[in-house]
Amino acid sequence: MKVMTEVTGAVDAEQEQALVDGFRRLLAEPKPDGLERTELLRDRDGVWRIQTLWRDQEALDTMRAAPEPPAAPTLFRRVGAEPRLQILLVEASTAERP
């Protein structure tokens, strides 16, 4: 079963570009095994989120057990935002359609 992580944080306006730039740098780095997709999203109230789709729980657990801390919460902390993590199980998806 696929798993999605969502890390959210309220980012001050003066730090928003640093968040975007930091996320783009992360995209240029090697991805952990099992990471299928990741996106940086912003709502209209200034709350930012990084949603990442993982192949399965094992891939997520392996990444979280690595010596370096997870990238998304680290990025939020770097721009002065306190991250909040949710782990969601993907019960159904358009990717399942033939």
C-alpha atoms as a PDB file:
ATOM      1  CA  MET A   1       0.000   0.000   0.000  1.00  0.00           C
ATOM      2  CA  LYS A   2       1.331   3.426  -0.938  1.00  0.00           C
ATOM      3  CA  VAL A   3       1.878   5.985   1.801  1.00  0.00           C
ATOM      4  CA  MET A   4       1.807   9.775   1.582  1.00  0.00           C
ATOM      5  CA  THR A   5       3.546  12.064   4.003  1.00  0.00           C
ATOM      6  CA  GLU A   6       2.411  15.637   4.377  1.00  0.00           C
ATOM      7  CA  VAL A   7       4.631  18.082   6.211  1.00  0.00           C
ATOM      8  CA  THR A   8       3.029  21.479   6.827  1.00  0.00           C
ATOM      9  CA  GLY A   9       4.208  24.743   8.271  1.00  0.00           C
ATOM     10  CA  ALA A  10       3.349  28.425   8.436  1.00  0.00           C
ATOM     11  CA  VAL A  11       6.159  30.279   6.682  1.00  0.00           C
ATOM     12  CA  ASP A  12       6.753  34.007   7.117  1.00  0.00           C
ATOM     13  CA  ALA A  13       6.407  35.927   3.865  1.00  0.00           C
ATOM     14  CA  GLU A  14      10.060  36.961   3.891  1.00  0.00           C
ATOM     15  CA  GLN A  15      11.109  33.280   4.066  1.00  0.00           C
ATOM     16  CA  GLU A  16       8.856  31.949   1.298  1.00  0.00           C
ATOM     17  CA  GLN A  17      11.432  32.284  -1.482  1.00  0.00           C
ATOM     18  CA  ALA A  18      14.035  30.536   0.687  1.00  0.00           C
ATOM     19  CA  LEU A  19      11.575  27.654   1.113  1.00  0.00           C
ATOM     20  CA  VAL A  20      10.933  27.415  -2.642  1.00  0.00           C
ATOM     21  CA  ASP A  21      14.646  27.626  -3.435  1.00  0.00           C
ATOM     22  CA  GLY A  22      15.457  24.999  -0.796  1.00  0.00           C
ATOM     23  CA  PHE A  23      12.817  22.643  -2.178  1.00  0.00           C
ATOM     24  CA  ARG A  24      14.176  23.060  -5.701  1.00  0.00           C
ATOM     25  CA  ARG A  25      17.644  22.169  -4.415  1.00  0.00           C
ATOM     26  CA  LEU A  26      16.188  19.043  -2.814  1.00  0.00           C
ATOM     27  CA  LEU A  27      14.675  18.066  -6.170  1.00  0.00           C
ATOM     28  CA  ALA A  28      18.157  18.153  -7.721  1.00  0.00           C
ATOM     29  CA  GLU A  29      19.566  15.731  -5.124  1.00  0.00           C
ATOM     30  CA  PRO A  30      19.356  11.927  -5.303  1.00  0.00           C
ATOM     31  CA  LYS A  31      15.966  10.702  -4.095  1.00  0.00           C
ATOM     32  CA  PRO A  32      15.542   8.083  -1.380  1.00  0.00           C
ATOM     33  CA  ASP A  33      14.564   4.660  -2.661  1.00  0.00           C
ATOM     34  CA  GLY A  34      10.792   4.386  -2.830  1.00  0.00           C
ATOM     35  CA  LEU A  35      10.058   8.099  -3.194  1.00  0.00           C
ATOM     36  CA  GLU A  36       7.637   8.263  -6.108  1.00  0.00           C
ATOM     37  CA  ARG A  37       6.558  11.901  -6.153  1.00  0.00           C
ATOM     38  CA  THR A  38       6.951  15.031  -4.062  1.00  0.00           C
ATOM     39  CA  GLU A  39       5.384  18.456  -4.354  1.00  0.00           C
ATOM     40  CA  LEU A  40       5.604  21.809  -2.610  1.00  0.00           C
ATOM     41  CA  LEU A  41       2.173  23.379  -2.185  1.00  0.00           C
ATOM     42  CA  ARG A  42       0.906  26.649  -0.686  1.00  0.00           C
ATOM     43  CA  ASP A  43      -2.598  27.523   0.359  1.00  0.00           C
ATOM     44  CA  ARG A  44      -4.082  30.995   0.259  1.00  0.00           C
ATOM     45  CA  ASP A  45      -3.541  31.492   3.994  1.00  0.00           C
ATOM     46  CA  GLY A  46       0.247  31.143   3.838  1.00  0.00           C
ATOM     47  CA  VAL A  47       0.429  27.554   5.027  1.00  0.00           C
ATOM     48  CA  TRP A  48       2.891  25.525   2.998  1.00  0.00           C
ATOM     49  CA  ARG A  49       2.989  21.752   2.614  1.00  0.00           C
ATOM     50  CA  ILE A  50       5.275  19.188   1.135  1.00  0.00           C
ATOM     51  CA  GLN A  51       3.396  16.079   0.052  1.00  0.00           C
ATOM     52  CA  THR A  52       5.463  13.030  -0.780  1.00  0.00           C
ATOM     53  CA  LEU A  53       4.206   9.746  -2.154  1.00  0.00           C
ATOM     54  CA  TRP A  54       6.099   6.636  -1.066  1.00  0.00           C
ATOM     55  CA  ARG A  55       6.035   3.194  -2.667  1.00  0.00           C
ATOM     56  CA  ASP A  56       5.083   1.644   0.692  1.00  0.00           C
ATOM     57  CA  GLN A  57       5.524   1.952   4.452  1.00  0.00           C
ATOM     58  CA  GLU A  58       8.827   0.074   4.311  1.00  0.00           C
ATOM     59  CA  ALA A  59      10.336   2.707   1.985  1.00  0.00           C
ATOM     60  CA  LEU A  60       9.207   5.473   4.330  1.00  0.00           C
ATOM     61  CA  ASP A  61      10.541   3.635   7.387  1.00  0.00           C
ATOM     62  CA  THR A  62      13.911   3.081   5.679  1.00  0.00           C
ATOM     63  CA  MET A  63      14.223   6.789   4.848  1.00  0.00           C
ATOM     64  CA  ARG A  64      13.273   7.792   8.386  1.00  0.00           C
ATOM     65  CA  ALA A  65      15.851   5.372   9.859  1.00  0.00           C
ATOM     66  CA  ALA A  66      18.703   6.892   7.827  1.00  0.00           C
ATOM     67  CA  PRO A  67      21.354   8.865   9.739  1.00  0.00           C
ATOM     68  CA  GLU A  68      20.417  12.172   8.073  1.00  0.00           C
ATOM     69  CA  PRO A  69      17.133  13.731   9.219  1.00  0.00           C
ATOM     70  CA  PRO A  70      14.132  13.746   6.851  1.00  0.00           C
ATOM     71  CA  ALA A  71      14.424  16.514   4.269  1.00  0.00           C
ATOM     72  CA  ALA A  72      10.970  18.122   4.451  1.00  0.00           C
ATOM     73  CA  PRO A  73      10.874  18.880   8.204  1.00  0.00           C
ATOM     74  CA  THR A  74      14.500  20.005   8.047  1.00  0.00           C
ATOM     75  CA  LEU A  75      13.692  22.447   5.243  1.00  0.00           C
ATOM     76  CA  PHE A  76      10.775  23.936   7.169  1.00  0.00           C
ATOM     77  CA  ARG A  77      12.925  24.382  10.275  1.00  0.00           C
ATOM     78  CA  ARG A  78      15.631  26.019   8.173  1.00  0.00           C
ATOM     79  CA  VAL A  79      13.185  28.793   7.206  1.00  0.00           C
ATOM     80  CA  GLY A  80      11.909  29.239  10.763  1.00  0.00           C
ATOM     81  CA  ALA A  81       8.685  27.218  10.531  1.00  0.00           C
ATOM     82  CA  GLU A  82       7.699  24.455  12.931  1.00  0.00           C
ATOM     83  CA  PRO A  83       6.791  21.428  10.785  1.00  0.00           C
ATOM     84  CA  ARG A  84       3.799  19.200  11.399  1.00  0.00           C
ATOM     85  CA  LEU A  85       3.897  15.677   9.947  1.00  0.00           C
ATOM     86  CA  GLN A  86       0.968  13.521   8.898  1.00  0.00           C
ATOM     87  CA  ILE A  87       1.295  10.025   7.467  1.00  0.00           C
ATOM     88  CA  LEU A  88      -1.590   8.992   5.228  1.00  0.00           C
ATOM     89  CA  LEU A  89      -2.401   5.619   3.697  1.00  0.00           C
ATOM     90  CA  VAL A  90      -3.428   5.811   0.048  1.00  0.00           C
ATOM     91  CA  GLU A  91      -6.622   3.765  -0.148  1.00  0.00           C
ATOM     92  CA  ALA A  92      -7.437   4.546  -3.792  1.00  0.00           C
ATOM     93  CA  SER A  93      -5.877   6.605  -6.569  1.00  0.00           C
ATOM     94  CA  THR A  94      -6.236   7.531 -10.233  1.00  0.00           C
ATOM     95  CA  ALA A  95      -2.933   5.709 -10.702  1.00  0.00           C
ATOM     96  CA  GLU A  96      -4.846   2.440 -10.201  1.00  0.00           C
ATOM     97  CA  ARG A  97      -6.902   2.907 -13.357  1.00  0.00           C
ATOM     98  CA  PRO A  98      -5.833   0.892 -16.420  1.00  0.00           C
END
